[in-house]
Amino acid sequence: MPNNIVLAKKYTDLLDEVYCLASVTSDLTGDASMMRAGANANEILYPQVAVSGLGDYDRNSGYTNGTVDVEWATTKFNYDRGTKISVDSMDDEETFNVAFGKGVSELMRTKVAPEADAFTFATICGLSGISKATPAAYSNASDFLAALITAKNTMDEDEVPEENRYLYATPTLINGIMALDTTKSREIMNTFAAVKKVPQSRFYTAIDLLDGKTTGETAGHYRKHGDHYVECESTDTGALHIVANTETPSATEIKLSSVTPVEDSTYTPAVGDYVKVVSGKDLNFMIIHKPCLIKFDKHVVGSMIHPDNNPDSDSWISKYRKYGIVDVYANKRAGIYISHKI
């Protein structure tokens, strides 16, 4: 995609910048020292520890024998994204050194940070074994407050420690709680280690990471995962929404209005059938117990190349790449609670 740079008409210190928050999930980054390299380069191992319980003490034979089991589970790095920005040296000079420097800054603020958040939330939502509220759109702050109490009760009953619970919710919901200004609402909000506002634009149950290459995805970044159909390459017992072969779409992705799906919980899709892929939903809130999360970056590189060192053109170059992982310990998934809209 060619650069779109409007040369400066006059000197000014005012820049037309997009309002955008920095990453709201950066404080969830964990300690990579607990991980070990796996058999393959893209894998890591993490420990799962289980101990046996108490037994009867015998005054003659003494203690019963307990056990400690340590199992190393395997997971794969699931995030590898990057881009290269190139700005001609004269374009940079004629925009008074704004094009390159501010371009790199805008990349980090308006693209890298939001995508990191959206990927974190969507990846967590896609895991099995996490706690989920009944889908709902909370019409007022009182409904949201009641939903938080339900979530808190669920996590308490699941024996998730109250310390290090982080609440992420849309600004509308958090601001509504603040407007209540009641002792009850303050007490509930104060039980969280942190309360973070997440713009809806990065708060979905599923997203598509755009590859930056193919038609329709050349701008890169991400988008909310939309309703579409895909052709089965193998049987999938988890698919409940199907279309009859007589209505097979001509393309992999189609609009929902063009084909009516048939619900049949007993049907096992066959190769060649088209199945409905569940779309991403807008999240209301998410509670994360930080110790349950595996989140860190194995490799982050950001380099700048001066035009004098660029063998291909008289341009500044900035390269950025991030390679990391977002996952949840298999035996700690009760530490996640989500609520999304219908």
C-alpha atoms as a PDB file:
ATOM      1  CA  MET A   1       0.000   0.000   0.000  1.00  0.00           C
ATOM      2  CA  PRO A   2       1.567   3.361  -1.016  1.00  0.00           C
ATOM      3  CA  ASN A   3       2.133   6.027   1.603  1.00  0.00           C
ATOM      4  CA  ASN A   4      -0.451   8.802   1.769  1.00  0.00           C
ATOM      5  CA  ILE A   5       1.391  11.924   2.909  1.00  0.00           C
ATOM      6  CA  VAL A   6       0.107  15.473   2.527  1.00  0.00           C
ATOM      7  CA  LEU A   7       3.099  17.818   2.417  1.00  0.00           C
ATOM      8  CA  ALA A   8       3.025  20.555   5.018  1.00  0.00           C
ATOM      9  CA  LYS A   9       1.683  23.947   3.926  1.00  0.00           C
ATOM     10  CA  LYS A  10       3.242  25.730   6.895  1.00  0.00           C
ATOM     11  CA  TYR A  11       5.081  25.036  10.112  1.00  0.00           C
ATOM     12  CA  THR A  12       2.863  23.958  12.988  1.00  0.00           C
ATOM     13  CA  ASP A  13       3.271  22.048  16.213  1.00  0.00           C
ATOM     14  CA  LEU A  14      -0.320  20.807  16.111  1.00  0.00           C
ATOM     15  CA  LEU A  15      -0.877  17.318  14.755  1.00  0.00           C
ATOM     16  CA  ASP A  16      -4.157  15.721  13.734  1.00  0.00           C
ATOM     17  CA  GLU A  17      -3.862  12.531  15.789  1.00  0.00           C
ATOM     18  CA  VAL A  18      -6.371   9.787  16.364  1.00  0.00           C
ATOM     19  CA  TYR A  19      -7.535   9.432  19.942  1.00  0.00           C
ATOM     20  CA  CYS A  20      -6.491   5.993  21.093  1.00  0.00           C
ATOM     21  CA  LEU A  21      -5.666   4.368  24.424  1.00  0.00           C
ATOM     22  CA  ALA A  22      -2.442   2.561  25.118  1.00  0.00           C
ATOM     23  CA  SER A  23      -2.716  -1.169  25.785  1.00  0.00           C
ATOM     24  CA  VAL A  24      -5.007  -2.003  28.708  1.00  0.00           C
ATOM     25  CA  THR A  25      -3.716  -5.578  29.024  1.00  0.00           C
ATOM     26  CA  SER A  26      -0.003  -4.844  29.421  1.00  0.00           C
ATOM     27  CA  ASP A  27      -0.263  -5.305  33.202  1.00  0.00           C
ATOM     28  CA  LEU A  28      -1.295  -8.936  32.637  1.00  0.00           C
ATOM     29  CA  THR A  29       2.109  -9.855  31.220  1.00  0.00           C
ATOM     30  CA  GLY A  30       3.545 -12.703  33.269  1.00  0.00           C
ATOM     31  CA  ASP A  31       6.905 -14.168  34.212  1.00  0.00           C
ATOM     32  CA  ALA A  32       8.492 -16.126  31.371  1.00  0.00           C
ATOM     33  CA  SER A  33      10.955 -17.761  33.782  1.00  0.00           C
ATOM     34  CA  MET A  34       8.285 -20.326  34.730  1.00  0.00           C
ATOM     35  CA  MET A  35       8.344 -21.688  31.193  1.00  0.00           C
ATOM     36  CA  ARG A  36      10.661 -24.199  29.543  1.00  0.00           C
ATOM     37  CA  ALA A  37      11.446 -24.746  25.892  1.00  0.00           C
ATOM     38  CA  GLY A  38       9.414 -27.503  24.288  1.00  0.00           C
ATOM     39  CA  ALA A  39      10.461 -30.175  21.833  1.00  0.00           C
ATOM     40  CA  ASN A  40       9.663 -27.843  18.954  1.00  0.00           C
ATOM     41  CA  ALA A  41      10.845 -24.274  18.556  1.00  0.00           C
ATOM     42  CA  ASN A  42       7.321 -22.820  18.741  1.00  0.00           C
ATOM     43  CA  GLU A  43       6.346 -24.687  21.914  1.00  0.00           C
ATOM     44  CA  ILE A  44       6.784 -24.065  25.616  1.00  0.00           C
ATOM     45  CA  LEU A  45       6.212 -26.250  28.654  1.00  0.00           C
ATOM     46  CA  TYR A  46       4.581 -25.112  31.875  1.00  0.00           C
ATOM     47  CA  PRO A  47       4.183 -27.014  35.162  1.00  0.00           C
ATOM     48  CA  GLN A  48       0.900 -28.260  36.595  1.00  0.00           C
ATOM     49  CA  VAL A  49       1.185 -29.349  40.223  1.00  0.00           C
ATOM     50  CA  ALA A  50      -1.293 -31.574  42.092  1.00  0.00           C
ATOM     51  CA  VAL A  51      -1.016 -32.977  45.622  1.00  0.00           C
ATOM     52  CA  SER A  52      -2.976 -35.674  47.425  1.00  0.00           C
ATOM     53  CA  GLY A  53      -5.134 -34.802  50.432  1.00  0.00           C
ATOM     54  CA  LEU A  54      -4.976 -35.565  54.130  1.00  0.00           C
ATOM     55  CA  GLY A  55      -5.400 -39.069  55.503  1.00  0.00           C
ATOM     56  CA  ASP A  56      -6.040 -40.473  58.961  1.00  0.00           C
ATOM     57  CA  TYR A  57      -3.112 -40.254  61.372  1.00  0.00           C
ATOM     58  CA  ASP A  58      -2.316 -43.527  63.095  1.00  0.00           C
ATOM     59  CA  ARG A  59      -0.581 -43.396  66.494  1.00  0.00           C
ATOM     60  CA  ASN A  60       1.283 -46.591  65.687  1.00  0.00           C
ATOM     61  CA  SER A  61       2.187 -46.250  61.997  1.00  0.00           C
ATOM     62  CA  GLY A  62       2.079 -42.459  61.839  1.00  0.00           C
ATOM     63  CA  TYR A  63       1.287 -40.498  58.692  1.00  0.00           C
ATOM     64  CA  THR A  64      -0.303 -41.735  55.497  1.00  0.00           C
ATOM     65  CA  ASN A  65       1.864 -41.292  52.416  1.00  0.00           C
ATOM     66  CA  GLY A  66       0.980 -38.317  50.262  1.00  0.00           C
ATOM     67  CA  THR A  67       2.055 -37.572  46.698  1.00  0.00           C
ATOM     68  CA  VAL A  68       3.086 -34.553  44.682  1.00  0.00           C
ATOM     69  CA  ASP A  69       2.530 -34.849  40.940  1.00  0.00           C
ATOM     70  CA  VAL A  70       4.164 -32.399  38.539  1.00  0.00           C
ATOM     71  CA  GLU A  71       3.002 -32.634  34.953  1.00  0.00           C
ATOM     72  CA  TRP A  72       4.537 -30.529  32.183  1.00  0.00           C
ATOM     73  CA  ALA A  73       1.873 -29.377  29.755  1.00  0.00           C
ATOM     74  CA  THR A  74       2.642 -28.106  26.274  1.00  0.00           C
ATOM     75  CA  THR A  75       1.306 -25.019  24.560  1.00  0.00           C
ATOM     76  CA  LYS A  76       2.328 -23.138  21.434  1.00  0.00           C
ATOM     77  CA  PHE A  77       3.160 -19.525  20.759  1.00  0.00           C
ATOM     78  CA  ASN A  78       0.115 -18.122  18.994  1.00  0.00           C
ATOM     79  CA  TYR A  79       1.002 -14.540  18.080  1.00  0.00           C
ATOM     80  CA  ASP A  80       3.521 -13.586  15.371  1.00  0.00           C
ATOM     81  CA  ARG A  81       2.830 -10.224  13.765  1.00  0.00           C
ATOM     82  CA  GLY A  82       4.889  -7.451  12.244  1.00  0.00           C
ATOM     83  CA  THR A  83       5.155  -4.694   9.670  1.00  0.00           C
ATOM     84  CA  LYS A  84       7.689  -2.513   7.897  1.00  0.00           C
ATOM     85  CA  ILE A  85       7.160   1.215   7.368  1.00  0.00           C
ATOM     86  CA  SER A  86       9.113   3.063   4.690  1.00  0.00           C
ATOM     87  CA  VAL A  87       9.102   6.860   4.252  1.00  0.00           C
ATOM     88  CA  ASP A  88      11.097   8.655   1.560  1.00  0.00           C
ATOM     89  CA  SER A  89      13.681  11.003   3.053  1.00  0.00           C
ATOM     90  CA  MET A  90      12.285  13.989   1.115  1.00  0.00           C
ATOM     91  CA  ASP A  91       8.720  13.213   2.205  1.00  0.00           C
ATOM     92  CA  ASP A  92       9.985  13.198   5.772  1.00  0.00           C
ATOM     93  CA  GLU A  93      11.915  16.446   5.325  1.00  0.00           C
ATOM     94  CA  GLU A  94       9.046  18.244   3.603  1.00  0.00           C
ATOM     95  CA  THR A  95       6.679  17.284   6.423  1.00  0.00           C
ATOM     96  CA  PHE A  96       9.266  18.712   8.822  1.00  0.00           C
ATOM     97  CA  ASN A  97      10.336  15.280  10.104  1.00  0.00           C
ATOM     98  CA  VAL A  98       6.782  14.409  11.068  1.00  0.00           C
ATOM     99  CA  ALA A  99       5.980  11.667   8.542  1.00  0.00           C
ATOM    100  CA  PHE A 100       8.418   9.061   9.812  1.00  0.00           C
ATOM    101  CA  GLY A 101       8.705   9.772  13.529  1.00  0.00           C
ATOM    102  CA  LYS A 102       5.027  10.334  14.115  1.00  0.00           C
ATOM    103  CA  GLY A 103       4.138   7.512  11.757  1.00  0.00           C
ATOM    104  CA  VAL A 104       6.050   5.061  13.932  1.00  0.00           C
ATOM    105  CA  SER A 105       4.452   6.537  17.043  1.00  0.00           C
ATOM    106  CA  GLU A 106       0.975   6.243  15.531  1.00  0.00           C
ATOM    107  CA  LEU A 107       1.663   2.620  14.619  1.00  0.00           C
ATOM    108  CA  MET A 108       2.394   1.736  18.233  1.00  0.00           C
ATOM    109  CA  ARG A 109      -0.504   3.731  19.661  1.00  0.00           C
ATOM    110  CA  THR A 110      -3.303   3.105  17.177  1.00  0.00           C
ATOM    111  CA  LYS A 111      -2.440  -0.337  15.828  1.00  0.00           C
ATOM    112  CA  VAL A 112      -0.031  -2.335  18.039  1.00  0.00           C
ATOM    113  CA  ALA A 113      -1.664  -1.574  21.398  1.00  0.00           C
ATOM    114  CA  PRO A 114      -5.311  -2.095  20.335  1.00  0.00           C
ATOM    115  CA  GLU A 115      -4.476  -5.315  18.504  1.00  0.00           C
ATOM    116  CA  ALA A 116      -2.602  -6.699  21.502  1.00  0.00           C
ATOM    117  CA  ASP A 117      -5.666  -6.088  23.664  1.00  0.00           C
ATOM    118  CA  ALA A 118      -8.156  -7.468  21.138  1.00  0.00           C
ATOM    119  CA  PHE A 119      -6.052 -10.589  20.613  1.00  0.00           C
ATOM    120  CA  THR A 120      -5.720 -11.163  24.360  1.00  0.00           C
ATOM    121  CA  PHE A 121      -9.454 -10.944  25.032  1.00  0.00           C
ATOM    122  CA  ALA A 122     -10.536 -12.945  21.966  1.00  0.00           C
ATOM    123  CA  THR A 123      -7.991 -15.711  22.588  1.00  0.00           C
ATOM    124  CA  ILE A 124      -9.132 -16.123  26.185  1.00  0.00           C
ATOM    125  CA  CYS A 125     -12.786 -16.233  25.105  1.00  0.00           C
ATOM    126  CA  GLY A 126     -12.009 -19.054  22.676  1.00  0.00           C
ATOM    127  CA  LEU A 127     -10.768 -21.392  25.417  1.00  0.00           C
ATOM    128  CA  SER A 128     -12.879 -24.152  26.936  1.00  0.00           C
ATOM    129  CA  GLY A 129     -13.496 -24.439  30.669  1.00  0.00           C
ATOM    130  CA  ILE A 130     -13.879 -20.720  31.422  1.00  0.00           C
ATOM    131  CA  SER A 131     -16.931 -19.336  33.233  1.00  0.00           C
ATOM    132  CA  LYS A 132     -19.544 -17.517  31.171  1.00  0.00           C
ATOM    133  CA  ALA A 133     -22.575 -15.435  32.066  1.00  0.00           C
ATOM    134  CA  THR A 134     -25.861 -15.782  30.220  1.00  0.00           C
ATOM    135  CA  PRO A 135     -25.577 -13.481  27.171  1.00  0.00           C
ATOM    136  CA  ALA A 136     -27.233 -10.148  27.894  1.00  0.00           C
ATOM    137  CA  ALA A 137     -27.126  -6.440  27.168  1.00  0.00           C
ATOM    138  CA  TYR A 138     -27.253  -4.596  30.473  1.00  0.00           C
ATOM    139  CA  SER A 139     -29.716  -1.743  30.133  1.00  0.00           C
ATOM    140  CA  ASN A 140     -28.584   0.081  33.260  1.00  0.00           C
ATOM    141  CA  ALA A 141     -25.823   0.185  35.875  1.00  0.00           C
ATOM    142  CA  SER A 142     -27.877  -1.782  38.382  1.00  0.00           C
ATOM    143  CA  ASP A 143     -28.107  -4.742  36.002  1.00  0.00           C
ATOM    144  CA  PHE A 144     -24.355  -4.598  35.449  1.00  0.00           C
ATOM    145  CA  LEU A 145     -23.762  -4.440  39.196  1.00  0.00           C
ATOM    146  CA  ALA A 146     -25.965  -7.510  39.704  1.00  0.00           C
ATOM    147  CA  ALA A 147     -24.008  -9.336  36.981  1.00  0.00           C
ATOM    148  CA  LEU A 148     -20.744  -8.518  38.749  1.00  0.00           C
ATOM    149  CA  ILE A 149     -22.096  -9.940  42.004  1.00  0.00           C
ATOM    150  CA  THR A 150     -23.100 -13.130  40.165  1.00  0.00           C
ATOM    151  CA  ALA A 151     -19.613 -13.337  38.655  1.00  0.00           C
ATOM    152  CA  LYS A 152     -18.004 -12.747  42.017  1.00  0.00           C
ATOM    153  CA  ASN A 153     -20.149 -15.464  43.601  1.00  0.00           C
ATOM    154  CA  THR A 154     -19.207 -17.922  40.860  1.00  0.00           C
ATOM    155  CA  MET A 155     -15.487 -17.294  41.242  1.00  0.00           C
ATOM    156  CA  ASP A 156     -15.710 -17.403  45.036  1.00  0.00           C
ATOM    157  CA  GLU A 157     -17.506 -20.761  44.905  1.00  0.00           C
ATOM    158  CA  ASP A 158     -14.844 -22.012  42.477  1.00  0.00           C
ATOM    159  CA  GLU A 159     -12.264 -21.005  45.100  1.00  0.00           C
ATOM    160  CA  VAL A 160     -10.512 -18.514  42.856  1.00  0.00           C
ATOM    161  CA  PRO A 161      -8.433 -16.237  45.132  1.00  0.00           C
ATOM    162  CA  GLU A 162      -9.886 -12.763  45.406  1.00  0.00           C
ATOM    163  CA  GLU A 163      -6.464 -11.136  45.170  1.00  0.00           C
ATOM    164  CA  ASN A 164      -5.205 -10.303  41.691  1.00  0.00           C
ATOM    165  CA  ARG A 165      -8.621 -10.273  40.036  1.00  0.00           C
ATOM    166  CA  TYR A 166      -8.743  -7.702  37.252  1.00  0.00           C
ATOM    167  CA  LEU A 167     -12.010  -6.315  35.892  1.00  0.00           C
ATOM    168  CA  TYR A 168     -12.210  -5.244  32.255  1.00  0.00           C
ATOM    169  CA  ALA A 169     -15.436  -3.670  31.021  1.00  0.00           C
ATOM    170  CA  THR A 170     -16.708  -1.190  28.467  1.00  0.00           C
ATOM    171  CA  PRO A 171     -16.475   2.497  29.422  1.00  0.00           C
ATOM    172  CA  THR A 172     -20.263   2.761  29.291  1.00  0.00           C
ATOM    173  CA  LEU A 173     -20.712   0.100  31.961  1.00  0.00           C
ATOM    174  CA  ILE A 174     -17.930   1.336  34.252  1.00  0.00           C
ATOM    175  CA  ASN A 175     -19.054   4.948  33.972  1.00  0.00           C
ATOM    176  CA  GLY A 176     -22.588   3.841  34.823  1.00  0.00           C
ATOM    177  CA  ILE A 177     -21.330   2.172  38.009  1.00  0.00           C
ATOM    178  CA  MET A 178     -19.438   5.338  38.921  1.00  0.00           C
ATOM    179  CA  ALA A 179     -22.618   7.347  38.458  1.00  0.00           C
ATOM    180  CA  LEU A 180     -24.431   5.205  41.030  1.00  0.00           C
ATOM    181  CA  ASP A 181     -22.079   6.510  43.711  1.00  0.00           C
ATOM    182  CA  THR A 182     -23.363   4.063  46.313  1.00  0.00           C
ATOM    183  CA  THR A 183     -21.566   2.250  49.102  1.00  0.00           C
ATOM    184  CA  LYS A 184     -22.555  -1.084  47.568  1.00  0.00           C
ATOM    185  CA  SER A 185     -21.098  -0.261  44.155  1.00  0.00           C
ATOM    186  CA  ARG A 186     -17.869   1.121  45.624  1.00  0.00           C
ATOM    187  CA  GLU A 187     -17.404  -1.968  47.790  1.00  0.00           C
ATOM    188  CA  ILE A 188     -17.770  -4.296  44.822  1.00  0.00           C
ATOM    189  CA  MET A 189     -15.438  -2.301  42.586  1.00  0.00           C
ATOM    190  CA  ASN A 190     -12.854  -2.106  45.350  1.00  0.00           C
ATOM    191  CA  THR A 191     -12.596  -5.901  45.495  1.00  0.00           C
ATOM    192  CA  PHE A 192     -10.701  -5.873  42.182  1.00  0.00           C
ATOM    193  CA  ALA A 193      -6.962  -5.345  41.943  1.00  0.00           C
ATOM    194  CA  ALA A 194      -7.637  -3.018  39.010  1.00  0.00           C
ATOM    195  CA  VAL A 195     -10.609  -1.828  36.999  1.00  0.00           C
ATOM    196  CA  LYS A 196      -9.901  -1.106  33.325  1.00  0.00           C
ATOM    197  CA  LYS A 197     -12.077   0.511  30.696  1.00  0.00           C
ATOM    198  CA  VAL A 198     -11.889  -1.276  27.335  1.00  0.00           C
ATOM    199  CA  PRO A 199     -13.275   0.407  24.204  1.00  0.00           C
ATOM    200  CA  GLN A 200     -15.812  -1.822  22.473  1.00  0.00           C
ATOM    201  CA  SER A 201     -13.707  -1.635  19.309  1.00  0.00           C
ATOM    202  CA  ARG A 202     -11.158  -3.993  20.878  1.00  0.00           C
ATOM    203  CA  PHE A 203     -13.483  -6.006  23.145  1.00  0.00           C
ATOM    204  CA  TYR A 204     -14.844  -9.009  21.229  1.00  0.00           C
ATOM    205  CA  THR A 205     -15.153 -12.738  21.816  1.00  0.00           C
ATOM    206  CA  ALA A 206     -13.514 -13.465  18.447  1.00  0.00           C
ATOM    207  CA  ILE A 207     -11.487 -11.492  15.915  1.00  0.00           C
ATOM    208  CA  ASP A 208      -9.826 -11.966  12.541  1.00  0.00           C
ATOM    209  CA  LEU A 209      -6.178 -10.936  12.256  1.00  0.00           C
ATOM    210  CA  LEU A 210      -5.796  -9.439   8.782  1.00  0.00           C
ATOM    211  CA  ASP A 211      -2.704 -10.653   6.920  1.00  0.00           C
ATOM    212  CA  GLY A 212      -1.848  -7.358   5.180  1.00  0.00           C
ATOM    213  CA  LYS A 213      -1.464  -9.110   1.833  1.00  0.00           C
ATOM    214  CA  THR A 214      -4.646 -10.559   0.366  1.00  0.00           C
ATOM    215  CA  THR A 215      -7.523  -8.623  -1.170  1.00  0.00           C
ATOM    216  CA  GLY A 216      -9.601  -6.928   1.506  1.00  0.00           C
ATOM    217  CA  GLU A 217      -6.856  -7.331   4.110  1.00  0.00           C
ATOM    218  CA  THR A 218      -4.074  -5.129   2.736  1.00  0.00           C
ATOM    219  CA  ALA A 219      -4.498  -2.574   5.515  1.00  0.00           C
ATOM    220  CA  GLY A 220      -3.607  -5.208   8.105  1.00  0.00           C
ATOM    221  CA  HIS A 221      -4.760  -4.895  11.734  1.00  0.00           C
ATOM    222  CA  TYR A 222      -7.835  -6.857  12.925  1.00  0.00           C
ATOM    223  CA  ARG A 223     -11.610  -6.880  12.746  1.00  0.00           C
ATOM    224  CA  LYS A 224     -14.470  -8.428  14.657  1.00  0.00           C
ATOM    225  CA  HIS A 225     -15.081 -11.977  13.470  1.00  0.00           C
ATOM    226  CA  GLY A 226     -18.293 -11.870  11.435  1.00  0.00           C
ATOM    227  CA  ASP A 227     -20.943 -14.436  10.515  1.00  0.00           C
ATOM    228  CA  HIS A 228     -19.846 -16.598   7.603  1.00  0.00           C
ATOM    229  CA  TYR A 229     -19.854 -20.132   6.309  1.00  0.00           C
ATOM    230  CA  VAL A 230     -16.907 -22.399   5.601  1.00  0.00           C
ATOM    231  CA  GLU A 231     -16.760 -25.662   3.709  1.00  0.00           C
ATOM    232  CA  CYS A 232     -16.035 -28.731   5.820  1.00  0.00           C
ATOM    233  CA  GLU A 233     -12.751 -30.439   5.041  1.00  0.00           C
ATOM    234  CA  SER A 234     -13.512 -33.139   7.613  1.00  0.00           C
ATOM    235  CA  THR A 235     -16.340 -34.155   9.924  1.00  0.00           C
ATOM    236  CA  ASP A 236     -16.990 -31.737  12.758  1.00  0.00           C
ATOM    237  CA  THR A 237     -19.312 -33.022  15.476  1.00  0.00           C
ATOM    238  CA  GLY A 238     -19.368 -29.617  17.147  1.00  0.00           C
ATOM    239  CA  ALA A 239     -21.136 -27.866  14.271  1.00  0.00           C
ATOM    240  CA  LEU A 240     -24.871 -27.533  14.824  1.00  0.00           C
ATOM    241  CA  HIS A 241     -25.723 -25.056  12.059  1.00  0.00           C
ATOM    242  CA  ILE A 242     -25.620 -26.468   8.547  1.00  0.00           C
ATOM    243  CA  VAL A 243     -26.917 -25.767   5.061  1.00  0.00           C
ATOM    244  CA  ALA A 244     -28.153 -28.524   2.806  1.00  0.00           C
ATOM    245  CA  ASN A 245     -25.874 -29.575  -0.040  1.00  0.00           C
ATOM    246  CA  THR A 246     -28.514 -28.442  -2.516  1.00  0.00           C
ATOM    247  CA  GLU A 247     -27.920 -24.901  -1.259  1.00  0.00           C
ATOM    248  CA  THR A 248     -24.128 -25.066  -1.283  1.00  0.00           C
ATOM    249  CA  PRO A 249     -22.756 -21.523  -1.614  1.00  0.00           C
ATOM    250  CA  SER A 250     -20.513 -20.715  -4.543  1.00  0.00           C
ATOM    251  CA  ALA A 251     -17.896 -19.074  -2.311  1.00  0.00           C
ATOM    252  CA  THR A 252     -16.364 -19.918   1.048  1.00  0.00           C
ATOM    253  CA  GLU A 253     -17.691 -16.746   2.674  1.00  0.00           C
ATOM    254  CA  ILE A 254     -21.292 -15.661   2.071  1.00  0.00           C
ATOM    255  CA  LYS A 255     -23.774 -13.304   3.642  1.00  0.00           C
ATOM    256  CA  LEU A 256     -26.220 -14.845   6.093  1.00  0.00           C
ATOM    257  CA  SER A 257     -29.142 -13.407   4.155  1.00  0.00           C
ATOM    258  CA  SER A 258     -28.353 -15.511   1.084  1.00  0.00           C
ATOM    259  CA  VAL A 259     -28.693 -18.950   2.684  1.00  0.00           C
ATOM    260  CA  THR A 260     -30.887 -20.043   5.581  1.00  0.00           C
ATOM    261  CA  PRO A 261     -29.053 -22.304   8.050  1.00  0.00           C
ATOM    262  CA  VAL A 262     -30.809 -25.388   9.422  1.00  0.00           C
ATOM    263  CA  GLU A 263     -30.361 -26.222  13.092  1.00  0.00           C
ATOM    264  CA  ASP A 264     -30.029 -29.910  13.834  1.00  0.00           C
ATOM    265  CA  SER A 265     -28.211 -30.940  17.009  1.00  0.00           C
ATOM    266  CA  THR A 266     -28.064 -34.576  15.881  1.00  0.00           C
ATOM    267  CA  TYR A 267     -26.445 -33.870  12.530  1.00  0.00           C
ATOM    268  CA  THR A 268     -22.759 -34.590  11.922  1.00  0.00           C
ATOM    269  CA  PRO A 269     -21.494 -32.461   9.016  1.00  0.00           C
ATOM    270  CA  ALA A 270     -19.985 -34.341   6.109  1.00  0.00           C
ATOM    271  CA  VAL A 271     -17.069 -33.329   3.949  1.00  0.00           C
ATOM    272  CA  GLY A 272     -18.261 -30.728   1.449  1.00  0.00           C
ATOM    273  CA  ASP A 273     -21.100 -29.370   3.602  1.00  0.00           C
ATOM    274  CA  TYR A 274     -21.011 -25.735   4.561  1.00  0.00           C
ATOM    275  CA  VAL A 275     -21.246 -24.941   8.274  1.00  0.00           C
ATOM    276  CA  LYS A 276     -21.959 -21.693  10.031  1.00  0.00           C
ATOM    277  CA  VAL A 277     -19.023 -20.319  11.988  1.00  0.00           C
ATOM    278  CA  VAL A 278     -20.093 -18.557  15.174  1.00  0.00           C
ATOM    279  CA  SER A 279     -19.496 -14.837  14.870  1.00  0.00           C
ATOM    280  CA  GLY A 280     -17.689 -12.673  17.378  1.00  0.00           C
ATOM    281  CA  LYS A 281     -19.835 -11.097  20.069  1.00  0.00           C
ATOM    282  CA  ASP A 282     -19.426  -7.765  21.824  1.00  0.00           C
ATOM    283  CA  LEU A 283     -18.049  -8.312  25.320  1.00  0.00           C
ATOM    284  CA  ASN A 284     -19.657  -6.600  28.307  1.00  0.00           C
ATOM    285  CA  PHE A 285     -16.976  -7.434  30.845  1.00  0.00           C
ATOM    286  CA  MET A 286     -14.265  -9.913  31.682  1.00  0.00           C
ATOM    287  CA  ILE A 287     -12.734 -10.819  35.037  1.00  0.00           C
ATOM    288  CA  ILE A 288      -9.231 -12.279  34.931  1.00  0.00           C
ATOM    289  CA  HIS A 289      -7.338 -13.771  37.843  1.00  0.00           C
ATOM    290  CA  LYS A 290      -3.846 -12.808  36.707  1.00  0.00           C
ATOM    291  CA  PRO A 291      -2.007 -15.933  38.017  1.00  0.00           C
ATOM    292  CA  CYS A 292      -4.129 -18.122  35.710  1.00  0.00           C
ATOM    293  CA  LEU A 293      -2.813 -16.398  32.610  1.00  0.00           C
ATOM    294  CA  ILE A 294       0.139 -17.288  30.385  1.00  0.00           C
ATOM    295  CA  LYS A 295       0.973 -14.062  28.618  1.00  0.00           C
ATOM    296  CA  PHE A 296       4.396 -12.884  27.563  1.00  0.00           C
ATOM    297  CA  ASP A 297       6.399 -11.909  24.518  1.00  0.00           C
ATOM    298  CA  LYS A 298       9.316 -14.130  23.572  1.00  0.00           C
ATOM    299  CA  HIS A 299      10.637 -11.758  20.936  1.00  0.00           C
ATOM    300  CA  VAL A 300       9.916  -8.086  20.275  1.00  0.00           C
ATOM    301  CA  VAL A 301      12.038  -6.116  17.835  1.00  0.00           C
ATOM    302  CA  GLY A 302      11.708  -2.535  16.698  1.00  0.00           C
ATOM    303  CA  SER A 303      14.497  -1.152  14.544  1.00  0.00           C
ATOM    304  CA  MET A 304      15.000   1.980  12.465  1.00  0.00           C
ATOM    305  CA  ILE A 305      17.207   2.146   9.379  1.00  0.00           C
ATOM    306  CA  HIS A 306      18.674   5.445   8.177  1.00  0.00           C
ATOM    307  CA  PRO A 307      18.355   6.209   4.437  1.00  0.00           C
ATOM    308  CA  ASP A 308      22.155   6.014   4.160  1.00  0.00           C
ATOM    309  CA  ASN A 309      21.964   2.365   5.246  1.00  0.00           C
ATOM    310  CA  ASN A 310      19.027   1.476   3.040  1.00  0.00           C
ATOM    311  CA  PRO A 311      20.350  -0.360  -0.041  1.00  0.00           C
ATOM    312  CA  ASP A 312      17.038  -0.216  -1.929  1.00  0.00           C
ATOM    313  CA  SER A 313      15.861   3.388  -1.702  1.00  0.00           C
ATOM    314  CA  ASP A 314      16.488   6.788  -0.148  1.00  0.00           C
ATOM    315  CA  SER A 315      13.965   6.105   2.610  1.00  0.00           C
ATOM    316  CA  TRP A 316      13.709   5.750   6.325  1.00  0.00           C
ATOM    317  CA  ILE A 317      12.624   2.259   7.381  1.00  0.00           C
ATOM    318  CA  SER A 318      11.068   1.086  10.627  1.00  0.00           C
ATOM    319  CA  LYS A 319      10.584  -2.616  11.304  1.00  0.00           C
ATOM    320  CA  TYR A 320       8.435  -3.985  14.088  1.00  0.00           C
ATOM    321  CA  ARG A 321       7.694  -7.573  15.057  1.00  0.00           C
ATOM    322  CA  LYS A 322       6.173  -9.210  18.114  1.00  0.00           C
ATOM    323  CA  TYR A 323       6.188 -12.958  18.792  1.00  0.00           C
ATOM    324  CA  GLY A 324       4.458 -14.181  21.917  1.00  0.00           C
ATOM    325  CA  ILE A 325       1.694 -16.135  23.559  1.00  0.00           C
ATOM    326  CA  VAL A 326      -1.645 -15.675  25.277  1.00  0.00           C
ATOM    327  CA  ASP A 327      -3.080 -18.737  27.003  1.00  0.00           C
ATOM    328  CA  VAL A 328      -4.572 -19.870  30.305  1.00  0.00           C
ATOM    329  CA  TYR A 329      -3.278 -22.674  32.518  1.00  0.00           C
ATOM    330  CA  ALA A 330      -5.412 -25.753  31.837  1.00  0.00           C
ATOM    331  CA  ASN A 331      -6.144 -26.308  35.545  1.00  0.00           C
ATOM    332  CA  LYS A 332      -6.880 -22.645  36.336  1.00  0.00           C
ATOM    333  CA  ARG A 333      -9.561 -21.738  33.827  1.00  0.00           C
ATOM    334  CA  ALA A 334     -12.071 -20.992  36.579  1.00  0.00           C
ATOM    335  CA  GLY A 335      -9.993 -17.825  36.943  1.00  0.00           C
ATOM    336  CA  ILE A 336     -11.688 -16.402  33.839  1.00  0.00           C
ATOM    337  CA  TYR A 337     -15.250 -15.092  33.805  1.00  0.00           C
ATOM    338  CA  ILE A 338     -16.782 -13.418  30.752  1.00  0.00           C
ATOM    339  CA  SER A 339     -20.038 -11.760  29.821  1.00  0.00           C
ATOM    340  CA  HIS A 340     -20.990 -10.895  26.260  1.00  0.00           C
ATOM    341  CA  LYS A 341     -24.002  -9.498  24.490  1.00  0.00           C
ATOM    342  CA  ILE A 342     -26.592 -11.650  22.717  1.00  0.00           C
END
